[in-house]
């Protein structure tokens, strides 16, 4: 009776250890996948943050214009920009921005 109880206890410990090991492996796999996802998202976030910070400030845009385009770019009055609408054979030229909306 004593031997069978010890054998049963050993078998129980083996099964219990296998169950814990499988659970731990599954949790480790989930942690690895989550860490990879976080790493990818951090990389994307840093890229987008850099792009936003670099391109969004007017000072940076003016600096880039002076550095890369020098005198190639010319300021235009947006009120002078026209819009061309082609409908079938009819060509219509209108203001790009309605002057009524600007005055409001």
PDB file of N, CA and C in Angstrom:
ATOM      1  N   UNK A   1       0.824  -1.187   0.000  1.00  0.00           N
ATOM      2  CA  UNK A   1       0.000   0.000   0.000  1.00  0.00           C
ATOM      3  C   UNK A   1       0.870   1.253   0.000  1.00  0.00           C
ATOM      4  N   UNK A   2       1.947   1.180   0.768  1.00  0.00           N
ATOM      5  CA  UNK A   2       2.833   2.315   0.877  1.00  0.00           C
ATOM      6  C   UNK A   2       3.535   2.586  -0.463  1.00  0.00           C
ATOM      7  N   UNK A   3       3.968   1.503  -1.161  1.00  0.00           N
ATOM      8  CA  UNK A   3       4.630   1.647  -2.450  1.00  0.00           C
ATOM      9  C   UNK A   3       3.678   2.244  -3.482  1.00  0.00           C
ATOM     10  N   UNK A   4       2.451   1.787  -3.524  1.00  0.00           N
ATOM     11  CA  UNK A   4       1.478   2.292  -4.502  1.00  0.00           C
ATOM     12  C   UNK A   4       1.151   3.767  -4.236  1.00  0.00           C
ATOM     13  N   UNK A   5       1.124   4.168  -2.978  1.00  0.00           N
ATOM     14  CA  UNK A   5       0.883   5.567  -2.639  1.00  0.00           C
ATOM     15  C   UNK A   5       2.054   6.436  -3.104  1.00  0.00           C
ATOM     16  N   UNK A   6       3.270   5.969  -2.928  1.00  0.00           N
ATOM     17  CA  UNK A   6       4.458   6.707  -3.376  1.00  0.00           C
ATOM     18  C   UNK A   6       4.481   6.783  -4.902  1.00  0.00           C
ATOM     19  N   UNK A   7       4.179   5.691  -5.572  1.00  0.00           N
ATOM     20  CA  UNK A   7       4.144   5.672  -7.037  1.00  0.00           C
ATOM     21  C   UNK A   7       3.058   6.623  -7.547  1.00  0.00           C
ATOM     22  N   UNK A   8       1.882   6.566  -6.918  1.00  0.00           N
ATOM     23  CA  UNK A   8       0.799   7.467  -7.304  1.00  0.00           C
ATOM     24  C   UNK A   8       1.221   8.920  -7.111  1.00  0.00           C
ATOM     25  N   UNK A   9       1.878   9.226  -6.011  1.00  0.00           N
ATOM     26  CA  UNK A   9       2.336  10.577  -5.726  1.00  0.00           C
ATOM     27  C   UNK A   9       3.365  11.032  -6.763  1.00  0.00           C
ATOM     28  N   UNK A  10       4.288  10.166  -7.148  1.00  0.00           N
ATOM     29  CA  UNK A  10       5.302  10.500  -8.153  1.00  0.00           C
ATOM     30  C   UNK A  10       4.645  10.751  -9.513  1.00  0.00           C
ATOM     31  N   UNK A  11       3.711   9.885  -9.904  1.00  0.00           N
ATOM     32  CA  UNK A  11       2.998  10.071 -11.174  1.00  0.00           C
ATOM     33  C   UNK A  11       2.203  11.380 -11.148  1.00  0.00           C
ATOM     34  N   UNK A  12       1.560  11.652 -10.019  1.00  0.00           N
ATOM     35  CA  UNK A  12       0.822  12.908  -9.872  1.00  0.00           C
ATOM     36  C   UNK A  12       1.761  14.101 -10.038  1.00  0.00           C
ATOM     37  N   UNK A  13       2.932  14.055  -9.440  1.00  0.00           N
ATOM     38  CA  UNK A  13       3.903  15.146  -9.560  1.00  0.00           C
ATOM     39  C   UNK A  13       4.406  15.302 -10.995  1.00  0.00           C
ATOM     40  N   UNK A  14       4.596  14.211 -11.693  1.00  0.00           N
ATOM     41  CA  UNK A  14       5.028  14.268 -13.092  1.00  0.00           C
ATOM     42  C   UNK A  14       3.962  14.948 -13.948  1.00  0.00           C
ATOM     43  N   UNK A  15       2.705  14.533 -13.797  1.00  0.00           N
ATOM     44  CA  UNK A  15       1.622  15.157 -14.559  1.00  0.00           C
ATOM     45  C   UNK A  15       1.444  16.632 -14.195  1.00  0.00           C
ATOM     46  N   UNK A  16       1.546  16.923 -12.921  1.00  0.00           N
ATOM     47  CA  UNK A  16       1.402  18.301 -12.462  1.00  0.00           C
ATOM     48  C   UNK A  16       2.528  19.175 -13.023  1.00  0.00           C
ATOM     49  N   UNK A  17       3.746  18.642 -13.041  1.00  0.00           N
ATOM     50  CA  UNK A  17       4.895  19.365 -13.597  1.00  0.00           C
ATOM     51  C   UNK A  17       4.715  19.590 -15.093  1.00  0.00           C
ATOM     52  N   UNK A  18       4.227  18.581 -15.805  1.00  0.00           N
ATOM     53  CA  UNK A  18       3.990  18.719 -17.242  1.00  0.00           C
ATOM     54  C   UNK A  18       2.920  19.785 -17.515  1.00  0.00           C
ATOM     55  N   UNK A  19       1.871  19.790 -16.698  1.00  0.00           N
ATOM     56  CA  UNK A  19       0.806  20.782 -16.857  1.00  0.00           C
ATOM     57  C   UNK A  19       1.338  22.201 -16.623  1.00  0.00           C
ATOM     58  N   UNK A  20       2.112  22.380 -15.581  1.00  0.00           N
ATOM     59  CA  UNK A  20       2.692  23.690 -15.269  1.00  0.00           C
ATOM     60  C   UNK A  20       3.650  24.118 -16.378  1.00  0.00           C
ATOM     61  N   UNK A  21       4.452  23.189 -16.869  1.00  0.00           N
ATOM     62  CA  UNK A  21       5.418  23.492 -17.920  1.00  0.00           C
ATOM     63  C   UNK A  21       4.703  23.940 -19.200  1.00  0.00           C
ATOM     64  N   UNK A  22       3.643  23.245 -19.580  1.00  0.00           N
ATOM     65  CA  UNK A  22       2.885  23.626 -20.776  1.00  0.00           C
ATOM     66  C   UNK A  22       2.224  24.987 -20.605  1.00  0.00           C
ATOM     67  N   UNK A  23       1.667  25.228 -19.434  1.00  0.00           N
ATOM     68  CA  UNK A  23       1.045  26.531 -19.173  1.00  0.00           C
ATOM     69  C   UNK A  23       2.073  27.645 -19.233  1.00  0.00           C
ATOM     70  N   UNK A  24       3.233  27.420 -18.663  1.00  0.00           N
ATOM     71  CA  UNK A  24       4.302  28.417 -18.668  1.00  0.00           C
ATOM     72  C   UNK A  24       4.788  28.680 -20.084  1.00  0.00           C
ATOM     73  N   UNK A  25       4.909  27.624 -20.895  1.00  0.00           N
ATOM     74  CA  UNK A  25       5.349  27.791 -22.280  1.00  0.00           C
ATOM     75  C   UNK A  25       4.323  28.605 -23.063  1.00  0.00           C
ATOM     76  N   UNK A  26       3.056  28.346 -22.868  1.00  0.00           N
ATOM     77  CA  UNK A  26       2.009  29.091 -23.564  1.00  0.00           C
ATOM     78  C   UNK A  26       2.047  30.577 -23.158  1.00  0.00           C
ATOM     79  N   UNK A  27       2.234  30.827 -21.873  1.00  0.00           N
ATOM     80  CA  UNK A  27       2.317  32.215 -21.386  1.00  0.00           C
ATOM     81  C   UNK A  27       3.563  32.895 -21.953  1.00  0.00           C
ATOM     82  N   UNK A  28       4.680  32.193 -22.010  1.00  0.00           N
ATOM     83  CA  UNK A  28       5.905  32.749 -22.591  1.00  0.00           C
ATOM     84  C   UNK A  28       5.706  33.098 -24.067  1.00  0.00           C
ATOM     85  N   UNK A  29       5.013  32.223 -24.793  1.00  0.00           N
ATOM     86  CA  UNK A  29       4.725  32.512 -26.203  1.00  0.00           C
ATOM     87  C   UNK A  29       3.862  33.765 -26.347  1.00  0.00           C
ATOM     88  N   UNK A  30       2.852  33.903 -25.512  1.00  0.00           N
ATOM     89  CA  UNK A  30       1.986  35.091 -25.565  1.00  0.00           C
ATOM     90  C   UNK A  30       2.777  36.353 -25.218  1.00  0.00           C
ATOM     91  N   UNK A  31       3.663  36.249 -24.235  1.00  0.00           N
ATOM     92  CA  UNK A  31       4.504  37.400 -23.857  1.00  0.00           C
ATOM     93  C   UNK A  31       5.419  37.772 -25.019  1.00  0.00           C
ATOM     94  N   UNK A  32       6.008  36.792 -25.675  1.00  0.00           N
ATOM     95  CA  UNK A  32       6.892  37.060 -26.805  1.00  0.00           C
ATOM     96  C   UNK A  32       6.138  37.757 -27.931  1.00  0.00           C
ATOM     97  N   UNK A  33       4.953  37.266 -28.265  1.00  0.00           N
ATOM     98  CA  UNK A  33       4.151  37.874 -29.328  1.00  0.00           C
ATOM     99  C   UNK A  33       3.772  39.303 -28.962  1.00  0.00           C
ATOM    100  N   UNK A  34       3.383  39.515 -27.720  1.00  0.00           N
ATOM    101  CA  UNK A  34       3.017  40.857 -27.263  1.00  0.00           C
ATOM    102  C   UNK A  34       4.219  41.795 -27.317  1.00  0.00           C
ATOM    103  N   UNK A  35       5.381  41.325 -26.891  1.00  0.00           N
ATOM    104  CA  UNK A  35       6.589  42.156 -26.938  1.00  0.00           C
ATOM    105  C   UNK A  35       6.959  42.507 -28.372  1.00  0.00           C
ATOM    106  N   UNK A  36       6.819  41.556 -29.295  1.00  0.00           N
ATOM    107  CA  UNK A  36       7.111  41.838 -30.704  1.00  0.00           C
ATOM    108  C   UNK A  36       6.141  42.880 -31.258  1.00  0.00           C
ATOM    109  N   UNK A  37       4.886  42.752 -30.897  1.00  0.00           N
ATOM    110  CA  UNK A  37       3.887  43.727 -31.343  1.00  0.00           C
ATOM    111  C   UNK A  37       4.216  45.104 -30.784  1.00  0.00           C
ATOM    112  N   UNK A  38       4.561  45.162 -29.519  1.00  0.00           N
ATOM    113  CA  UNK A  38       4.918  46.440 -28.886  1.00  0.00           C
ATOM    114  C   UNK A  38       6.153  47.025 -29.552  1.00  0.00           C
ATOM    115  N   UNK A  39       7.138  46.204 -29.834  1.00  0.00           N
ATOM    116  CA  UNK A  39       8.359  46.680 -30.483  1.00  0.00           C
ATOM    117  C   UNK A  39       8.040  47.280 -31.855  1.00  0.00           C
ATOM    118  N   UNK A  40       7.195  46.606 -32.625  1.00  0.00           N
ATOM    119  CA  UNK A  40       6.806  47.107 -33.941  1.00  0.00           C
ATOM    120  C   UNK A  40       6.041  48.421 -33.809  1.00  0.00           C
ATOM    121  N   UNK A  41       5.109  48.477 -32.856  1.00  0.00           N
ATOM    122  CA  UNK A  41       4.332  49.699 -32.664  1.00  0.00           C
ATOM    123  C   UNK A  41       5.212  50.849 -32.182  1.00  0.00           C
ATOM    124  N   UNK A  42       6.193  50.566 -31.331  1.00  0.00           N
ATOM    125  CA  UNK A  42       7.116  51.611 -30.879  1.00  0.00           C
ATOM    126  C   UNK A  42       7.920  52.160 -32.050  1.00  0.00           C
ATOM    127  N   UNK A  43       8.355  51.267 -32.919  1.00  0.00           N
ATOM    128  CA  UNK A  43       9.122  51.701 -34.093  1.00  0.00           C
ATOM    129  C   UNK A  43       8.260  52.597 -34.975  1.00  0.00           C
ATOM    130  N   UNK A  44       7.028  52.188 -35.235  1.00  0.00           N
ATOM    131  CA  UNK A  44       6.110  53.006 -36.028  1.00  0.00           C
ATOM    132  C   UNK A  44       5.832  54.336 -35.344  1.00  0.00           C
ATOM    133  N   UNK A  45       5.641  54.298 -34.036  1.00  0.00           N
ATOM    134  CA  UNK A  45       5.368  55.523 -33.286  1.00  0.00           C
ATOM    135  C   UNK A  45       6.539  56.491 -33.384  1.00  0.00           C
ATOM    136  N   UNK A  46       7.740  55.986 -33.210  1.00  0.00           N
ATOM    137  CA  UNK A  46       8.917  56.852 -33.282  1.00  0.00           C
ATOM    138  C   UNK A  46       9.058  57.459 -34.675  1.00  0.00           C
ATOM    139  N   UNK A  47       8.795  56.676 -35.709  1.00  0.00           N
ATOM    140  CA  UNK A  47       8.884  57.188 -37.076  1.00  0.00           C
ATOM    141  C   UNK A  47       7.849  58.281 -37.306  1.00  0.00           C
ATOM    142  N   UNK A  48       6.628  58.035 -36.877  1.00  0.00           N
ATOM    143  CA  UNK A  48       5.558  59.015 -37.065  1.00  0.00           C
ATOM    144  C   UNK A  48       5.818  60.253 -36.223  1.00  0.00           C
ATOM    145  N   UNK A  49       6.306  60.063 -35.009  1.00  0.00           N
ATOM    146  CA  UNK A  49       6.611  61.207 -34.145  1.00  0.00           C
ATOM    147  C   UNK A  49       7.715  62.065 -34.750  1.00  0.00           C
ATOM    148  N   UNK A  50       8.746  61.426 -35.273  1.00  0.00           N
ATOM    149  CA  UNK A  50       9.824  62.155 -35.916  1.00  0.00           C
ATOM    150  C   UNK A  50       9.315  62.922 -37.125  1.00  0.00           C
ATOM    151  N   UNK A  51       8.511  62.258 -37.929  1.00  0.00           N
ATOM    152  CA  UNK A  51       7.944  62.917 -39.105  1.00  0.00           C
ATOM    153  C   UNK A  51       7.083  64.105 -38.702  1.00  0.00           C
ATOM    154  N   UNK A  52       6.260  63.929 -37.691  1.00  0.00           N
ATOM    155  CA  UNK A  52       5.393  65.018 -37.234  1.00  0.00           C
ATOM    156  C   UNK A  52       6.222  66.188 -36.704  1.00  0.00           C
ATOM    157  N   UNK A  53       7.177  65.894 -35.851  1.00  0.00           N
ATOM    158  CA  UNK A  53       7.996  66.959 -35.272  1.00  0.00           C
ATOM    159  C   UNK A  53       8.857  67.655 -36.315  1.00  0.00           C
ATOM    160  N   UNK A  54       9.319  66.904 -37.279  1.00  0.00           N
ATOM    161  CA  UNK A  54      10.226  67.463 -38.267  1.00  0.00           C
ATOM    162  C   UNK A  54       9.488  68.286 -39.308  1.00  0.00           C
ATOM    163  N   UNK A  55       8.307  67.832 -39.686  1.00  0.00           N
ATOM    164  CA  UNK A  55       7.596  68.492 -40.782  1.00  0.00           C
ATOM    165  C   UNK A  55       6.491  69.443 -40.344  1.00  0.00           C
ATOM    166  N   UNK A  56       6.095  69.395 -39.098  1.00  0.00           N
ATOM    167  CA  UNK A  56       4.923  70.177 -38.720  1.00  0.00           C
ATOM    168  C   UNK A  56       5.242  71.604 -38.305  1.00  0.00           C
ATOM    169  N   UNK A  57       6.449  71.880 -37.911  1.00  0.00           N
ATOM    170  CA  UNK A  57       6.724  73.227 -37.432  1.00  0.00           C
ATOM    171  C   UNK A  57       6.993  74.153 -38.621  1.00  0.00           C
ATOM    172  N   UNK A  58       6.408  75.335 -38.612  1.00  0.00           N
ATOM    173  CA  UNK A  58       6.618  76.288 -39.714  1.00  0.00           C
ATOM    174  C   UNK A  58       8.088  76.682 -39.863  1.00  0.00           C
ATOM    175  N   UNK A  59       8.782  76.771 -38.748  1.00  0.00           N
ATOM    176  CA  UNK A  59      10.194  77.129 -38.825  1.00  0.00           C
ATOM    177  C   UNK A  59      10.980  76.082 -39.615  1.00  0.00           C
ATOM    178  N   UNK A  60      10.670  74.824 -39.340  1.00  0.00           N
ATOM    179  CA  UNK A  60      11.359  73.752 -40.054  1.00  0.00           C
ATOM    180  C   UNK A  60      11.021  73.789 -41.540  1.00  0.00           C
ATOM    181  N   UNK A  61       9.766  74.054 -41.852  1.00  0.00           N
ATOM    182  CA  UNK A  61       9.367  74.115 -43.261  1.00  0.00           C
ATOM    183  C   UNK A  61      10.080  75.265 -43.979  1.00  0.00           C
ATOM    184  N   UNK A  62      10.167  76.401 -43.326  1.00  0.00           N
ATOM    185  CA  UNK A  62      10.868  77.529 -43.928  1.00  0.00           C
ATOM    186  C   UNK A  62      12.363  77.219 -44.072  1.00  0.00           C
ATOM    187  N   UNK A  63      12.923  76.572 -43.090  1.00  0.00           N
ATOM    188  CA  UNK A  63      14.335  76.188 -43.145  1.00  0.00           C
ATOM    189  C   UNK A  63      14.574  75.221 -44.308  1.00  0.00           C
ATOM    190  N   UNK A  64      13.685  74.250 -44.478  1.00  0.00           N
ATOM    191  CA  UNK A  64      13.822  73.300 -45.574  1.00  0.00           C
ATOM    192  C   UNK A  64      13.655  73.982 -46.923  1.00  0.00           C
ATOM    193  N   UNK A  65      12.715  74.904 -46.990  1.00  0.00           N
ATOM    194  CA  UNK A  65      12.530  75.640 -48.242  1.00  0.00           C
ATOM    195  C   UNK A  65      13.808  76.375 -48.602  1.00  0.00           C
ATOM    196  N   UNK A  66      14.393  77.065 -47.639  1.00  0.00           N
ATOM    197  CA  UNK A  66      15.624  77.813 -47.898  1.00  0.00           C
ATOM    198  C   UNK A  66      16.794  76.885 -48.217  1.00  0.00           C
ATOM    199  N   UNK A  67      16.829  75.749 -47.555  1.00  0.00           N
ATOM    200  CA  UNK A  67      17.944  74.834 -47.734  1.00  0.00           C
ATOM    201  C   UNK A  67      17.868  74.081 -49.053  1.00  0.00           C
ATOM    202  N   UNK A  68      16.687  73.566 -49.405  1.00  0.00           N
ATOM    203  CA  UNK A  68      16.573  72.682 -50.560  1.00  0.00           C
ATOM    204  C   UNK A  68      16.078  73.368 -51.828  1.00  0.00           C
ATOM    205  N   UNK A  69      15.215  74.347 -51.687  1.00  0.00           N
ATOM    206  CA  UNK A  69      14.603  74.939 -52.871  1.00  0.00           C
ATOM    207  C   UNK A  69      15.104  76.341 -53.178  1.00  0.00           C
ATOM    208  N   UNK A  70      15.749  76.966 -52.228  1.00  0.00           N
ATOM    209  CA  UNK A  70      16.256  78.325 -52.346  1.00  0.00           C
ATOM    210  C   UNK A  70      15.207  79.246 -52.942  1.00  0.00           C
ATOM    211  N   UNK A  71      15.349  79.624 -54.207  1.00  0.00           N
ATOM    212  CA  UNK A  71      14.411  80.584 -54.801  1.00  0.00           C
ATOM    213  C   UNK A  71      13.424  79.915 -55.754  1.00  0.00           C
ATOM    214  N   UNK A  72      13.342  78.618 -55.740  1.00  0.00           N
ATOM    215  CA  UNK A  72      12.449  77.903 -56.658  1.00  0.00           C
ATOM    216  C   UNK A  72      10.981  78.049 -56.278  1.00  0.00           C
ATOM    217  N   UNK A  73      10.701  78.216 -55.006  1.00  0.00           N
ATOM    218  CA  UNK A  73       9.316  78.321 -54.548  1.00  0.00           C
ATOM    219  C   UNK A  73       8.924  79.796 -54.431  1.00  0.00           C
ATOM    220  N   UNK A  74       7.694  80.063 -54.843  1.00  0.00           N
ATOM    221  CA  UNK A  74       7.194  81.436 -54.814  1.00  0.00           C
ATOM    222  C   UNK A  74       5.893  81.443 -54.037  1.00  0.00           C
ATOM    223  N   UNK A  75       5.724  82.453 -53.189  1.00  0.00           N
ATOM    224  CA  UNK A  75       4.469  82.576 -52.447  1.00  0.00           C
ATOM    225  C   UNK A  75       3.380  83.079 -53.381  1.00  0.00           C
ATOM    226  N   UNK A  76       2.200  82.485 -53.238  1.00  0.00           N
ATOM    227  CA  UNK A  76       1.043  82.887 -54.033  1.00  0.00           C
ATOM    228  C   UNK A  76      -0.077  83.319 -53.103  1.00  0.00           C
ATOM    229  N   UNK A  77      -0.840  84.271 -53.588  1.00  0.00           N
ATOM    230  CA  UNK A  77      -2.041  84.663 -52.871  1.00  0.00           C
ATOM    231  C   UNK A  77      -3.114  83.632 -53.189  1.00  0.00           C
ATOM    232  N   UNK A  78      -3.641  83.011 -52.169  1.00  0.00           N
ATOM    233  CA  UNK A  78      -4.609  81.928 -52.388  1.00  0.00           C
ATOM    234  C   UNK A  78      -5.890  82.432 -53.049  1.00  0.00           C
ATOM    235  N   UNK A  79      -6.158  83.691 -52.910  1.00  0.00           N
ATOM    236  CA  UNK A  79      -7.350  84.259 -53.539  1.00  0.00           C
ATOM    237  C   UNK A  79      -7.196  84.349 -55.058  1.00  0.00           C
ATOM    238  N   UNK A  80      -5.972  84.312 -55.560  1.00  0.00           N
ATOM    239  CA  UNK A  80      -5.730  84.384 -57.008  1.00  0.00           C
ATOM    240  C   UNK A  80      -5.702  83.001 -57.658  1.00  0.00           C
ATOM    241  N   UNK A  81      -5.716  81.953 -56.870  1.00  0.00           N
ATOM    242  CA  UNK A  81      -5.699  80.592 -57.402  1.00  0.00           C
ATOM    243  C   UNK A  81      -7.079  80.262 -57.944  1.00  0.00           C
ATOM    244  N   UNK A  82      -7.126  79.686 -59.129  1.00  0.00           N
ATOM    245  CA  UNK A  82      -8.385  79.347 -59.791  1.00  0.00           C
ATOM    246  C   UNK A  82      -8.553  77.838 -59.875  1.00  0.00           C
ATOM    247  N   UNK A  83      -9.793  77.441 -60.063  1.00  0.00           N
ATOM    248  CA  UNK A  83     -10.132  76.024 -60.171  1.00  0.00           C
ATOM    249  C   UNK A  83     -10.766  75.807 -61.538  1.00  0.00           C
ATOM    250  N   UNK A  84     -10.321  74.775 -62.241  1.00  0.00           N
ATOM    251  CA  UNK A  84     -10.851  74.466 -63.570  1.00  0.00           C
ATOM    252  C   UNK A  84     -11.757  73.250 -63.441  1.00  0.00           C
ATOM    253  N   UNK A  85     -12.992  73.420 -63.914  1.00  0.00           N
ATOM    254  CA  UNK A  85     -13.966  72.324 -63.882  1.00  0.00           C
ATOM    255  C   UNK A  85     -14.330  71.995 -65.322  1.00  0.00           C
ATOM    256  N   UNK A  86     -14.141  70.712 -65.671  1.00  0.00           N
ATOM    257  CA  UNK A  86     -14.486  70.271 -67.026  1.00  0.00           C
ATOM    258  C   UNK A  86     -15.686  69.341 -66.910  1.00  0.00           C
ATOM    259  N   UNK A  87     -16.775  69.754 -67.529  1.00  0.00           N
ATOM    260  CA  UNK A  87     -18.008  68.976 -67.504  1.00  0.00           C
ATOM    261  C   UNK A  87     -18.440  68.757 -68.946  1.00  0.00           C
ATOM    262  N   UNK A  88     -18.301  67.524 -69.406  1.00  0.00           N
ATOM    263  CA  UNK A  88     -18.524  67.189 -70.816  1.00  0.00           C
ATOM    264  C   UNK A  88     -17.595  68.053 -71.662  1.00  0.00           C
ATOM    265  N   UNK A  89     -18.140  68.913 -72.493  1.00  0.00           N
ATOM    266  CA  UNK A  89     -17.302  69.775 -73.331  1.00  0.00           C
ATOM    267  C   UNK A  89     -17.225  71.194 -72.788  1.00  0.00           C
ATOM    268  N   UNK A  90     -17.809  71.421 -71.638  1.00  0.00           N
ATOM    269  CA  UNK A  90     -17.855  72.752 -71.052  1.00  0.00           C
ATOM    270  C   UNK A  90     -16.717  72.917 -70.044  1.00  0.00           C
ATOM    271  N   UNK A  91     -15.954  73.987 -70.199  1.00  0.00           N
ATOM    272  CA  UNK A  91     -14.853  74.289 -69.283  1.00  0.00           C
ATOM    273  C   UNK A  91     -15.257  75.520 -68.485  1.00  0.00           C
ATOM    274  N   UNK A  92     -15.174  75.392 -67.176  1.00  0.00           N
ATOM    275  CA  UNK A  92     -15.574  76.486 -66.299  1.00  0.00           C
ATOM    276  C   UNK A  92     -14.424  76.795 -65.337  1.00  0.00           C
ATOM    277  N   UNK A  93     -14.080  78.060 -65.210  1.00  0.00           N
ATOM    278  CA  UNK A  93     -13.010  78.486 -64.319  1.00  0.00           C
ATOM    279  C   UNK A  93     -13.644  79.268 -63.171  1.00  0.00           C
ATOM    280  N   UNK A  94     -13.361  78.808 -61.941  1.00  0.00           N
ATOM    281  CA  UNK A  94     -13.927  79.470 -60.767  1.00  0.00           C
ATOM    282  C   UNK A  94     -12.817  79.726 -59.748  1.00  0.00           C
ATOM    283  N   UNK A  95     -13.147  80.519 -58.754  1.00  0.00           N
ATOM    284  CA  UNK A  95     -12.195  80.755 -57.677  1.00  0.00           C
ATOM    285  C   UNK A  95     -12.012  79.472 -56.878  1.00  0.00           C
ATOM    286  N   UNK A  96     -10.805  79.241 -56.431  1.00  0.00           N
ATOM    287  CA  UNK A  96     -10.515  78.051 -55.634  1.00  0.00           C
ATOM    288  C   UNK A  96     -11.186  78.137 -54.274  1.00  0.00           C
ATOM    289  N   UNK A  97     -11.184  79.317 -53.703  1.00  0.00           N
ATOM    290  CA  UNK A  97     -11.840  79.555 -52.425  1.00  0.00           C
ATOM    291  C   UNK A  97     -12.912  80.596 -52.651  1.00  0.00           C
ATOM    292  N   UNK A  98     -14.114  80.309 -52.162  1.00  0.00           N
ATOM    293  CA  UNK A  98     -15.190  81.287 -52.279  1.00  0.00           C
ATOM    294  C   UNK A  98     -14.859  82.512 -51.453  1.00  0.00           C
ATOM    295  N   UNK A  99     -14.955  83.670 -52.062  1.00  0.00           N
ATOM    296  CA  UNK A  99     -14.652  84.915 -51.354  1.00  0.00           C
ATOM    297  C   UNK A  99     -15.680  85.185 -50.261  1.00  0.00           C
ATOM    298  N   UNK A 100     -16.872  84.669 -50.433  1.00  0.00           N
ATOM    299  CA  UNK A 100     -17.905  84.856 -49.412  1.00  0.00           C
ATOM    300  C   UNK A 100     -17.548  84.119 -48.132  1.00  0.00           C
ATOM    301  N   UNK A 101     -16.981  82.918 -48.263  1.00  0.00           N
ATOM    302  CA  UNK A 101     -16.612  82.142 -47.070  1.00  0.00           C
ATOM    303  C   UNK A 101     -15.460  82.792 -46.325  1.00  0.00           C
ATOM    304  N   UNK A 102     -14.547  83.411 -47.038  1.00  0.00           N
ATOM    305  CA  UNK A 102     -13.401  84.033 -46.408  1.00  0.00           C
ATOM    306  C   UNK A 102     -13.817  85.258 -45.622  1.00  0.00           C
ATOM    307  N   UNK A 103     -14.781  86.019 -46.132  1.00  0.00           N
ATOM    308  CA  UNK A 103     -15.227  87.237 -45.474  1.00  0.00           C
ATOM    309  C   UNK A 103     -16.068  86.979 -44.225  1.00  0.00           C
ATOM    310  N   UNK A 104     -16.598  85.800 -44.102  1.00  0.00           N
ATOM    311  CA  UNK A 104     -17.450  85.497 -42.942  1.00  0.00           C
ATOM    312  C   UNK A 104     -16.698  85.410 -41.665  1.00  0.00           C
TER     313      UNK A 104
END
